């Protein structure tokens, strides 16, 4: 199995929250459509992410010695915007603000936000979260930046197969492997953006090996898209 038993409850709790909000897919149907994810081998998943590649964290390369790239500056500015908003106010805004970014895949389906009410420990340390679509994306709001980083480190420690992704806008992040597939998580100040590697509509891949790359790339795509939604929303919440 490519996930450990310690993460199973967290994954099922997340699934219950999403299906409760969407109200269109039963647990049985959802699990059967994604059964291939729970049978993928650790070796295949690790091989896809541990080879030297652009997906892995690389040393920071600034255009000038001792300088900060425009990309990192943009990321730092976004962190400042997020931290400038009261966490409770930001959470309320995220749970109601419509998704206006155009970066989600065309087949993502409806992305209306709804409160993620976790019955287990998935939101441990967070004030709350907003979920989007059927296992497409989520945004978790923590009381402060330290709590968000602590939770990110805990996820990395709990999942022995978690790998760091290349810094996006200079922001820390990782890809964690769950029974529903990969989840790319990026920390933005006191916020986490989560992008799920939900398979696109249609028949599932014929083998777990065929599923690893497209679902992993999709988790990164969804993380980037929900990050852009955060960028758009945080201005309105200020």
C-alpha atoms as a PDB file:
ATOM      1  CA  UNK A   1       0.000   0.000   0.000  1.00  0.00           C
ATOM      2  CA  UNK A   2       1.312   3.472  -0.683  1.00  0.00           C
ATOM      3  CA  UNK A   3      -0.158   5.032   2.448  1.00  0.00           C
ATOM      4  CA  UNK A   4       0.284   4.267   6.116  1.00  0.00           C
ATOM      5  CA  UNK A   5      -2.533   3.412   8.467  1.00  0.00           C
ATOM      6  CA  UNK A   6      -1.896   6.530  10.515  1.00  0.00           C
ATOM      7  CA  UNK A   7      -3.073   8.716   7.631  1.00  0.00           C
ATOM      8  CA  UNK A   8      -6.195   6.723   6.756  1.00  0.00           C
ATOM      9  CA  UNK A   9      -8.462   8.447   9.284  1.00  0.00           C
ATOM     10  CA  UNK A  10      -7.271  11.877   8.100  1.00  0.00           C
ATOM     11  CA  UNK A  11      -8.007  11.011   4.491  1.00  0.00           C
ATOM     12  CA  UNK A  12     -11.467   9.629   5.248  1.00  0.00           C
ATOM     13  CA  UNK A  13     -12.324  12.659   7.368  1.00  0.00           C
ATOM     14  CA  UNK A  14     -11.402  14.954   4.497  1.00  0.00           C
ATOM     15  CA  UNK A  15     -13.469  12.872   2.109  1.00  0.00           C
ATOM     16  CA  UNK A  16     -16.520  13.023   4.395  1.00  0.00           C
ATOM     17  CA  UNK A  17     -16.243  16.794   4.611  1.00  0.00           C
ATOM     18  CA  UNK A  18     -16.034  17.198   0.847  1.00  0.00           C
ATOM     19  CA  UNK A  19     -18.856  14.820  -0.008  1.00  0.00           C
ATOM     20  CA  UNK A  20     -21.039  16.379   2.688  1.00  0.00           C
ATOM     21  CA  UNK A  21     -20.581  19.812   1.172  1.00  0.00           C
ATOM     22  CA  UNK A  22     -21.016  18.699  -2.425  1.00  0.00           C
ATOM     23  CA  UNK A  23     -23.892  16.365  -1.700  1.00  0.00           C
ATOM     24  CA  UNK A  24     -23.551  14.650  -5.052  1.00  0.00           C
ATOM     25  CA  UNK A  25     -21.338  11.624  -4.508  1.00  0.00           C
ATOM     26  CA  UNK A  26     -21.586   8.814  -1.958  1.00  0.00           C
ATOM     27  CA  UNK A  27     -18.603   7.501  -0.038  1.00  0.00           C
ATOM     28  CA  UNK A  28     -18.894   4.137  -1.754  1.00  0.00           C
ATOM     29  CA  UNK A  29     -19.018   5.640  -5.246  1.00  0.00           C
ATOM     30  CA  UNK A  30     -16.144   7.987  -4.512  1.00  0.00           C
ATOM     31  CA  UNK A  31     -13.935   5.262  -3.082  1.00  0.00           C
ATOM     32  CA  UNK A  32     -14.640   2.846  -5.928  1.00  0.00           C
ATOM     33  CA  UNK A  33     -13.767   5.457  -8.565  1.00  0.00           C
ATOM     34  CA  UNK A  34     -10.435   6.069  -6.858  1.00  0.00           C
ATOM     35  CA  UNK A  35      -9.624   2.558  -5.690  1.00  0.00           C
ATOM     36  CA  UNK A  36      -6.496   2.503  -7.838  1.00  0.00           C
ATOM     37  CA  UNK A  37      -4.931   5.170  -5.601  1.00  0.00           C
ATOM     38  CA  UNK A  38      -4.976   2.948  -2.530  1.00  0.00           C
ATOM     39  CA  UNK A  39      -3.179   0.147  -4.392  1.00  0.00           C
ATOM     40  CA  UNK A  40      -0.344   2.153  -5.907  1.00  0.00           C
ATOM     41  CA  UNK A  41       3.074   1.037  -4.720  1.00  0.00           C
ATOM     42  CA  UNK A  42       5.378   3.143  -2.585  1.00  0.00           C
ATOM     43  CA  UNK A  43       8.201   2.411  -4.977  1.00  0.00           C
ATOM     44  CA  UNK A  44       6.365   3.896  -7.944  1.00  0.00           C
ATOM     45  CA  UNK A  45       5.316   6.993  -6.014  1.00  0.00           C
ATOM     46  CA  UNK A  46       8.781   7.540  -4.599  1.00  0.00           C
ATOM     47  CA  UNK A  47      10.448   7.069  -7.966  1.00  0.00           C
ATOM     48  CA  UNK A  48       8.237   9.734  -9.519  1.00  0.00           C
ATOM     49  CA  UNK A  49       9.282  12.322  -6.948  1.00  0.00           C
ATOM     50  CA  UNK A  50      12.748  11.447  -5.664  1.00  0.00           C
ATOM     51  CA  UNK A  51      14.563  11.618  -8.990  1.00  0.00           C
ATOM     52  CA  UNK A  52      16.388  14.917  -9.519  1.00  0.00           C
ATOM     53  CA  UNK A  53      13.876  17.091 -11.281  1.00  0.00           C
ATOM     54  CA  UNK A  54      12.240  20.488 -11.296  1.00  0.00           C
ATOM     55  CA  UNK A  55       9.560  19.147  -8.942  1.00  0.00           C
ATOM     56  CA  UNK A  56      12.014  18.832  -6.083  1.00  0.00           C
ATOM     57  CA  UNK A  57      13.296  21.642  -3.909  1.00  0.00           C
ATOM     58  CA  UNK A  58      16.442  23.213  -5.299  1.00  0.00           C
ATOM     59  CA  UNK A  59      18.849  25.734  -3.749  1.00  0.00           C
ATOM     60  CA  UNK A  60      17.633  29.291  -4.153  1.00  0.00           C
ATOM     61  CA  UNK A  61      19.160  30.926  -7.203  1.00  0.00           C
ATOM     62  CA  UNK A  62      18.869  34.693  -7.060  1.00  0.00           C
ATOM     63  CA  UNK A  63      19.737  36.757 -10.132  1.00  0.00           C
ATOM     64  CA  UNK A  64      22.253  38.732  -8.086  1.00  0.00           C
ATOM     65  CA  UNK A  65      24.489  37.601  -5.260  1.00  0.00           C
ATOM     66  CA  UNK A  66      22.744  38.355  -1.998  1.00  0.00           C
ATOM     67  CA  UNK A  67      19.665  39.613  -3.817  1.00  0.00           C
ATOM     68  CA  UNK A  68      16.057  38.447  -3.889  1.00  0.00           C
ATOM     69  CA  UNK A  69      14.379  37.489  -7.126  1.00  0.00           C
ATOM     70  CA  UNK A  70      11.184  39.260  -8.258  1.00  0.00           C
ATOM     71  CA  UNK A  71       9.396  35.914  -7.871  1.00  0.00           C
ATOM     72  CA  UNK A  72      10.423  35.607  -4.213  1.00  0.00           C
ATOM     73  CA  UNK A  73       9.467  39.236  -3.655  1.00  0.00           C
ATOM     74  CA  UNK A  74       5.993  38.508  -5.024  1.00  0.00           C
ATOM     75  CA  UNK A  75       5.648  35.561  -2.656  1.00  0.00           C
ATOM     76  CA  UNK A  76       6.797  37.633   0.317  1.00  0.00           C
ATOM     77  CA  UNK A  77       4.290  40.346  -0.592  1.00  0.00           C
ATOM     78  CA  UNK A  78       1.471  37.785  -0.689  1.00  0.00           C
ATOM     79  CA  UNK A  79       2.490  36.484   2.741  1.00  0.00           C
ATOM     80  CA  UNK A  80       2.344  40.033   4.101  1.00  0.00           C
ATOM     81  CA  UNK A  81      -1.135  40.514   2.625  1.00  0.00           C
ATOM     82  CA  UNK A  82      -2.370  37.279   4.190  1.00  0.00           C
ATOM     83  CA  UNK A  83      -0.904  38.072   7.613  1.00  0.00           C
ATOM     84  CA  UNK A  84      -2.408  41.568   7.535  1.00  0.00           C
ATOM     85  CA  UNK A  85      -5.949  40.135   7.587  1.00  0.00           C
ATOM     86  CA  UNK A  86      -7.572  38.968  10.811  1.00  0.00           C
ATOM     87  CA  UNK A  87      -7.555  35.134  10.619  1.00  0.00           C
ATOM     88  CA  UNK A  88     -11.221  34.747  11.583  1.00  0.00           C
ATOM     89  CA  UNK A  89     -12.254  37.351   9.022  1.00  0.00           C
ATOM     90  CA  UNK A  90     -10.137  35.711   6.335  1.00  0.00           C
ATOM     91  CA  UNK A  91     -11.646  32.288   7.074  1.00  0.00           C
ATOM     92  CA  UNK A  92     -15.183  33.643   6.819  1.00  0.00           C
ATOM     93  CA  UNK A  93     -14.346  35.301   3.522  1.00  0.00           C
ATOM     94  CA  UNK A  94     -12.764  32.151   2.064  1.00  0.00           C
ATOM     95  CA  UNK A  95     -15.792  30.053   2.998  1.00  0.00           C
ATOM     96  CA  UNK A  96     -18.118  32.289   0.981  1.00  0.00           C
ATOM     97  CA  UNK A  97     -16.130  34.063  -1.745  1.00  0.00           C
ATOM     98  CA  UNK A  98     -16.760  32.663  -5.247  1.00  0.00           C
ATOM     99  CA  UNK A  99     -13.828  31.219  -7.147  1.00  0.00           C
ATOM    100  CA  UNK A 100     -12.812  33.694  -9.850  1.00  0.00           C
ATOM    101  CA  UNK A 101      -9.389  32.379 -10.832  1.00  0.00           C
ATOM    102  CA  UNK A 102      -9.166  30.849 -14.310  1.00  0.00           C
ATOM    103  CA  UNK A 103      -6.295  28.521 -13.423  1.00  0.00           C
ATOM    104  CA  UNK A 104      -8.304  25.428 -12.464  1.00  0.00           C
ATOM    105  CA  UNK A 105      -8.538  22.697 -15.135  1.00  0.00           C
ATOM    106  CA  UNK A 106     -11.639  22.980 -17.302  1.00  0.00           C
ATOM    107  CA  UNK A 107     -12.917  19.608 -16.060  1.00  0.00           C
ATOM    108  CA  UNK A 108     -12.636  20.516 -12.352  1.00  0.00           C
ATOM    109  CA  UNK A 109     -16.412  20.827 -12.052  1.00  0.00           C
ATOM    110  CA  UNK A 110     -18.260  23.200  -9.686  1.00  0.00           C
ATOM    111  CA  UNK A 111     -15.936  24.910  -7.218  1.00  0.00           C
ATOM    112  CA  UNK A 112     -18.394  26.624  -4.888  1.00  0.00           C
ATOM    113  CA  UNK A 113     -16.712  27.023  -1.467  1.00  0.00           C
ATOM    114  CA  UNK A 114     -18.138  25.506   1.678  1.00  0.00           C
ATOM    115  CA  UNK A 115     -16.954  25.195   5.298  1.00  0.00           C
ATOM    116  CA  UNK A 116     -14.845  22.117   5.923  1.00  0.00           C
ATOM    117  CA  UNK A 117     -16.029  20.708   9.243  1.00  0.00           C
ATOM    118  CA  UNK A 118     -13.475  18.084  10.191  1.00  0.00           C
ATOM    119  CA  UNK A 119     -14.587  15.365  12.581  1.00  0.00           C
ATOM    120  CA  UNK A 120     -11.115  13.883  12.980  1.00  0.00           C
ATOM    121  CA  UNK A 121      -7.683  15.533  13.132  1.00  0.00           C
ATOM    122  CA  UNK A 122      -7.143  16.801   9.609  1.00  0.00           C
ATOM    123  CA  UNK A 123      -7.554  20.412  10.694  1.00  0.00           C
ATOM    124  CA  UNK A 124      -5.401  19.996  13.789  1.00  0.00           C
ATOM    125  CA  UNK A 125      -4.180  23.409  14.918  1.00  0.00           C
ATOM    126  CA  UNK A 126      -6.300  25.297  12.364  1.00  0.00           C
ATOM    127  CA  UNK A 127      -9.130  27.731  13.046  1.00  0.00           C
ATOM    128  CA  UNK A 128     -11.059  26.170  10.182  1.00  0.00           C
ATOM    129  CA  UNK A 129     -10.994  25.628   6.435  1.00  0.00           C
ATOM    130  CA  UNK A 130     -12.812  26.098   3.160  1.00  0.00           C
ATOM    131  CA  UNK A 131     -13.126  23.248   0.676  1.00  0.00           C
ATOM    132  CA  UNK A 132     -13.705  23.527  -3.063  1.00  0.00           C
ATOM    133  CA  UNK A 133     -15.376  20.978  -5.316  1.00  0.00           C
ATOM    134  CA  UNK A 134     -15.089  17.200  -5.090  1.00  0.00           C
ATOM    135  CA  UNK A 135     -11.569  16.754  -3.686  1.00  0.00           C
ATOM    136  CA  UNK A 136     -10.152  19.572  -5.815  1.00  0.00           C
ATOM    137  CA  UNK A 137      -8.698  22.015  -3.294  1.00  0.00           C
ATOM    138  CA  UNK A 138      -8.895  23.423   0.216  1.00  0.00           C
ATOM    139  CA  UNK A 139      -7.563  26.372   2.205  1.00  0.00           C
ATOM    140  CA  UNK A 140      -6.776  25.992   5.914  1.00  0.00           C
ATOM    141  CA  UNK A 141      -6.428  29.064   8.146  1.00  0.00           C
ATOM    142  CA  UNK A 142      -4.250  28.877  11.260  1.00  0.00           C
ATOM    143  CA  UNK A 143      -4.074  31.368  14.132  1.00  0.00           C
ATOM    144  CA  UNK A 144      -0.535  32.398  13.189  1.00  0.00           C
ATOM    145  CA  UNK A 145       2.380  31.590  10.893  1.00  0.00           C
ATOM    146  CA  UNK A 146       4.141  29.428  13.479  1.00  0.00           C
ATOM    147  CA  UNK A 147       1.100  27.142  13.767  1.00  0.00           C
ATOM    148  CA  UNK A 148       0.926  26.751   9.986  1.00  0.00           C
ATOM    149  CA  UNK A 149       4.601  25.779   9.731  1.00  0.00           C
ATOM    150  CA  UNK A 150       4.284  23.415  12.700  1.00  0.00           C
ATOM    151  CA  UNK A 151       1.397  21.621  10.973  1.00  0.00           C
ATOM    152  CA  UNK A 152       3.333  21.405   7.699  1.00  0.00           C
ATOM    153  CA  UNK A 153       6.280  19.846   9.539  1.00  0.00           C
ATOM    154  CA  UNK A 154       3.916  17.401  11.269  1.00  0.00           C
ATOM    155  CA  UNK A 155       2.455  16.266   7.936  1.00  0.00           C
ATOM    156  CA  UNK A 156       5.972  15.740   6.604  1.00  0.00           C
ATOM    157  CA  UNK A 157       6.869  13.677   9.665  1.00  0.00           C
ATOM    158  CA  UNK A 158       3.677  11.583   9.526  1.00  0.00           C
ATOM    159  CA  UNK A 159       4.082  10.667   5.857  1.00  0.00           C
ATOM    160  CA  UNK A 160       7.420   8.975   5.204  1.00  0.00           C
ATOM    161  CA  UNK A 161       6.821   9.371   1.454  1.00  0.00           C
ATOM    162  CA  UNK A 162       6.190  13.129   1.550  1.00  0.00           C
ATOM    163  CA  UNK A 163       8.568  15.121  -0.629  1.00  0.00           C
ATOM    164  CA  UNK A 164       9.343  18.809  -0.885  1.00  0.00           C
ATOM    165  CA  UNK A 165       8.254  20.534  -4.069  1.00  0.00           C
ATOM    166  CA  UNK A 166      10.273  23.248  -5.760  1.00  0.00           C
ATOM    167  CA  UNK A 167       9.658  26.505  -3.888  1.00  0.00           C
ATOM    168  CA  UNK A 168       6.736  28.308  -5.542  1.00  0.00           C
ATOM    169  CA  UNK A 169       7.141  32.064  -5.091  1.00  0.00           C
ATOM    170  CA  UNK A 170       9.709  31.168  -2.447  1.00  0.00           C
ATOM    171  CA  UNK A 171       6.990  29.527  -0.310  1.00  0.00           C
ATOM    172  CA  UNK A 172       7.545  26.238   1.556  1.00  0.00           C
ATOM    173  CA  UNK A 173       5.567  23.240   0.405  1.00  0.00           C
ATOM    174  CA  UNK A 174       5.398  19.490  -0.009  1.00  0.00           C
ATOM    175  CA  UNK A 175       3.495  16.719  -1.744  1.00  0.00           C
ATOM    176  CA  UNK A 176       1.996  14.123   0.594  1.00  0.00           C
ATOM    177  CA  UNK A 177       0.607  10.779  -0.555  1.00  0.00           C
ATOM    178  CA  UNK A 178      -2.801   9.695   0.728  1.00  0.00           C
ATOM    179  CA  UNK A 179      -5.259   6.910  -0.016  1.00  0.00           C
ATOM    180  CA  UNK A 180      -6.981   9.289  -2.461  1.00  0.00           C
ATOM    181  CA  UNK A 181      -3.784  10.225  -4.259  1.00  0.00           C
ATOM    182  CA  UNK A 182      -1.217  13.006  -3.893  1.00  0.00           C
ATOM    183  CA  UNK A 183      -1.923  16.293  -2.121  1.00  0.00           C
ATOM    184  CA  UNK A 184       0.307  19.300  -2.755  1.00  0.00           C
ATOM    185  CA  UNK A 185       0.406  21.680   0.216  1.00  0.00           C
ATOM    186  CA  UNK A 186       1.866  25.209   0.149  1.00  0.00           C
ATOM    187  CA  UNK A 187       2.228  27.377   3.258  1.00  0.00           C
ATOM    188  CA  UNK A 188       1.437  31.076   2.827  1.00  0.00           C
ATOM    189  CA  UNK A 189       1.952  32.840   6.124  1.00  0.00           C
ATOM    190  CA  UNK A 190      -0.708  31.453   8.473  1.00  0.00           C
ATOM    191  CA  UNK A 191      -2.528  29.679   5.648  1.00  0.00           C
ATOM    192  CA  UNK A 192      -2.194  26.325   3.862  1.00  0.00           C
ATOM    193  CA  UNK A 193      -3.424  25.851   0.313  1.00  0.00           C
ATOM    194  CA  UNK A 194      -4.081  22.216  -0.603  1.00  0.00           C
ATOM    195  CA  UNK A 195      -4.358  20.879  -4.149  1.00  0.00           C
ATOM    196  CA  UNK A 196      -5.654  17.338  -4.591  1.00  0.00           C
ATOM    197  CA  UNK A 197      -4.522  14.984  -7.335  1.00  0.00           C
ATOM    198  CA  UNK A 198      -8.061  13.933  -8.163  1.00  0.00           C
ATOM    199  CA  UNK A 199      -8.142  11.934 -11.408  1.00  0.00           C
ATOM    200  CA  UNK A 200      -9.928  13.671 -14.278  1.00  0.00           C
ATOM    201  CA  UNK A 201     -13.407  12.398 -15.252  1.00  0.00           C
ATOM    202  CA  UNK A 202     -13.581   9.127 -17.124  1.00  0.00           C
ATOM    203  CA  UNK A 203     -12.232   5.654 -16.600  1.00  0.00           C
ATOM    204  CA  UNK A 204      -9.354   5.374 -14.117  1.00  0.00           C
ATOM    205  CA  UNK A 205      -5.887   4.476 -15.429  1.00  0.00           C
ATOM    206  CA  UNK A 206      -5.297   0.804 -16.101  1.00  0.00           C
ATOM    207  CA  UNK A 207      -2.489   0.596 -13.552  1.00  0.00           C
ATOM    208  CA  UNK A 208      -1.226   2.517 -10.504  1.00  0.00           C
ATOM    209  CA  UNK A 209       1.962   3.319 -12.421  1.00  0.00           C
ATOM    210  CA  UNK A 210      -0.033   5.131 -15.093  1.00  0.00           C
ATOM    211  CA  UNK A 211      -1.809   7.156 -12.395  1.00  0.00           C
ATOM    212  CA  UNK A 212       1.185   8.534 -10.510  1.00  0.00           C
ATOM    213  CA  UNK A 213       2.386  11.236 -12.892  1.00  0.00           C
ATOM    214  CA  UNK A 214      -0.955  12.727 -14.048  1.00  0.00           C
ATOM    215  CA  UNK A 215      -2.447  12.797 -10.544  1.00  0.00           C
ATOM    216  CA  UNK A 216       0.745  14.260  -9.073  1.00  0.00           C
ATOM    217  CA  UNK A 217       0.846  16.994 -11.704  1.00  0.00           C
ATOM    218  CA  UNK A 218      -2.845  17.670 -11.146  1.00  0.00           C
ATOM    219  CA  UNK A 219      -2.281  18.146  -7.417  1.00  0.00           C
ATOM    220  CA  UNK A 220       0.343  20.795  -8.220  1.00  0.00           C
ATOM    221  CA  UNK A 221      -1.992  22.429 -10.760  1.00  0.00           C
ATOM    222  CA  UNK A 222      -4.844  22.588  -8.247  1.00  0.00           C
ATOM    223  CA  UNK A 223      -2.513  23.964  -5.556  1.00  0.00           C
ATOM    224  CA  UNK A 224      -1.405  26.746  -7.896  1.00  0.00           C
ATOM    225  CA  UNK A 225      -5.022  27.498  -8.844  1.00  0.00           C
ATOM    226  CA  UNK A 226      -6.244  27.719  -5.250  1.00  0.00           C
ATOM    227  CA  UNK A 227      -3.200  29.847  -4.410  1.00  0.00           C
ATOM    228  CA  UNK A 228      -4.347  32.298  -7.070  1.00  0.00           C
ATOM    229  CA  UNK A 229      -7.830  32.226  -5.518  1.00  0.00           C
ATOM    230  CA  UNK A 230      -6.245  33.115  -2.178  1.00  0.00           C
ATOM    231  CA  UNK A 231      -4.431  36.008  -3.853  1.00  0.00           C
ATOM    232  CA  UNK A 232      -7.689  37.336  -5.274  1.00  0.00           C
ATOM    233  CA  UNK A 233      -9.673  36.806  -2.085  1.00  0.00           C
ATOM    234  CA  UNK A 234      -7.203  38.261   0.389  1.00  0.00           C
ATOM    235  CA  UNK A 235      -7.517  41.709  -1.176  1.00  0.00           C
ATOM    236  CA  UNK A 236     -11.281  41.699  -0.630  1.00  0.00           C
ATOM    237  CA  UNK A 237     -10.885  40.490   2.936  1.00  0.00           C
ATOM    238  CA  UNK A 238      -8.465  43.231   3.973  1.00  0.00           C
END
